[in-house]
Each structure stands twice: as structure tokens, then as C-alpha cells.
Amino acid sequence: MLVPFFGVVLLMPPLLNLFEGLLSPLGVPVEVLYLFGVWLLVIAGAVLLSRLRQFRVLTPEPITESRPAVPADPAGDA
């Protein structure tokens, strides 16, 4: 839930408007670079979080049943 939340917050118009009208040295608007940078960070964050061990579905260990010992036959019949 954190990755989409931060993605939405970082892509809100007030933050995008901070870079309006600025050009990078290569002539690409900084607003576009910011947009794609946040997009790549959201993807990278999702990949990293999906690789954490706590989010993986682990196969459960087999349950070994402990059976009570069979009592000896008191009559001696076997």
C-alpha cells in the first residue's frame, strides 16, 4: 500500500507544477524527467518490496503427527 500512496502523492499537480517551464541542459522539460523518474521509482519500489522475504508465500512445513504409544495388552494376548 505504501508504494502506490507515495506514487500518487509525488505525482500530484502541486509537485509537478514546481518544475513547470524549466529545461534541462538537453532541452527536455524537467517536468517530464520528474514524471518518468517517479514512475521508475514506483516500479523499482514495487520490485524491491515484492522480493522481501516477508511478502513471499512460504510453503508450510509438513505437520508430523505424534501418535500415542499403544499400551501393552494387559492380558498378554498378542
Protein backbone atom coordinates (compact mmCIF):
# COMPACT_ATOMS: atom_id res chain seq x y z
CA MET A 1 0.00 0.00 0.00
CA LEU A 2 2.93 2.37 0.54
CA VAL A 3 4.30 2.33 -2.99
CA PRO A 4 1.07 3.45 -4.71
CA PHE A 5 0.45 6.01 -1.96
CA PHE A 6 3.84 7.66 -2.42
CA GLY A 7 3.44 7.44 -6.20
CA VAL A 8 0.14 9.29 -6.06
CA VAL A 9 1.49 11.92 -3.67
CA LEU A 10 4.59 12.54 -5.79
CA LEU A 11 2.54 12.86 -8.98
CA MET A 12 0.03 15.39 -7.63
CA PRO A 13 -0.20 18.64 -9.61
CA PRO A 14 1.30 20.89 -6.88
CA LEU A 15 4.54 18.92 -7.01
CA LEU A 16 4.52 18.63 -10.80
CA ASN A 17 3.99 22.39 -11.14
CA LEU A 18 7.20 23.08 -9.23
CA PHE A 19 9.15 22.11 -12.35
CA GLU A 20 6.96 23.91 -14.88
CA GLY A 21 8.87 25.85 -17.52
CA LEU A 22 12.33 24.59 -16.54
CA LEU A 23 14.51 22.99 -19.19
CA SER A 24 17.30 20.51 -18.62
CA PRO A 25 20.64 21.00 -20.38
CA LEU A 26 19.49 18.56 -23.07
CA GLY A 27 16.35 20.58 -23.82
CA VAL A 28 13.94 18.11 -22.18
CA PRO A 29 11.48 19.72 -19.75
CA VAL A 30 12.37 18.94 -16.14
CA GLU A 31 8.68 18.20 -15.52
CA VAL A 32 8.89 15.25 -17.92
CA LEU A 33 12.09 13.98 -16.32
CA TYR A 34 10.44 14.21 -12.89
CA LEU A 35 7.35 12.36 -14.12
CA PHE A 36 9.33 9.47 -15.57
CA GLY A 37 11.73 9.45 -12.61
CA VAL A 38 8.86 8.99 -10.15
CA TRP A 39 7.35 6.34 -12.42
CA LEU A 40 10.63 4.39 -12.41
CA LEU A 41 10.97 4.76 -8.63
CA VAL A 42 7.46 3.38 -8.10
CA ILE A 43 8.28 0.38 -10.29
CA ALA A 44 11.63 -0.18 -8.53
CA GLY A 45 9.96 0.12 -5.12
CA ALA A 46 7.33 -2.45 -6.07
CA VAL A 47 10.01 -4.86 -7.30
CA LEU A 48 12.12 -4.46 -4.17
CA LEU A 49 9.18 -4.90 -1.83
CA SER A 50 7.98 -7.97 -3.72
CA ARG A 51 11.38 -9.58 -3.25
CA LEU A 52 11.41 -9.20 0.52
CA ARG A 53 11.07 -12.48 2.33
CA GLN A 54 8.15 -11.42 4.49
CA PHE A 55 5.94 -10.89 1.45
CA ARG A 56 6.68 -14.24 -0.14
CA VAL A 57 4.28 -17.12 0.25
CA LEU A 58 6.22 -19.77 2.07
CA THR A 59 5.36 -23.43 1.78
CA PRO A 60 4.31 -24.71 5.17
CA GLU A 61 6.42 -27.37 6.81
CA PRO A 62 4.79 -30.80 6.92
CA ILE A 63 2.98 -31.48 10.14
CA THR A 64 4.21 -34.60 11.86
CA GLU A 65 1.60 -36.24 13.96
CA SER A 66 2.73 -37.69 17.22
CA ARG A 67 0.71 -40.79 17.94
CA PRO A 68 0.33 -42.05 21.47
CA ALA A 69 2.17 -45.23 22.24
CA VAL A 70 -0.02 -48.30 22.05
CA PRO A 71 -0.37 -49.70 25.55
CA ALA A 72 0.69 -53.28 26.05
CA ASP A 73 -2.12 -55.80 26.22
CA PRO A 74 -2.67 -56.48 29.91
CA ALA A 75 -3.99 -59.98 29.24
CA GLY A 76 -0.85 -60.97 27.40
CA ASP A 77 -2.75 -61.78 24.19
CA ALA A 78 -0.89 -60.69 21.14
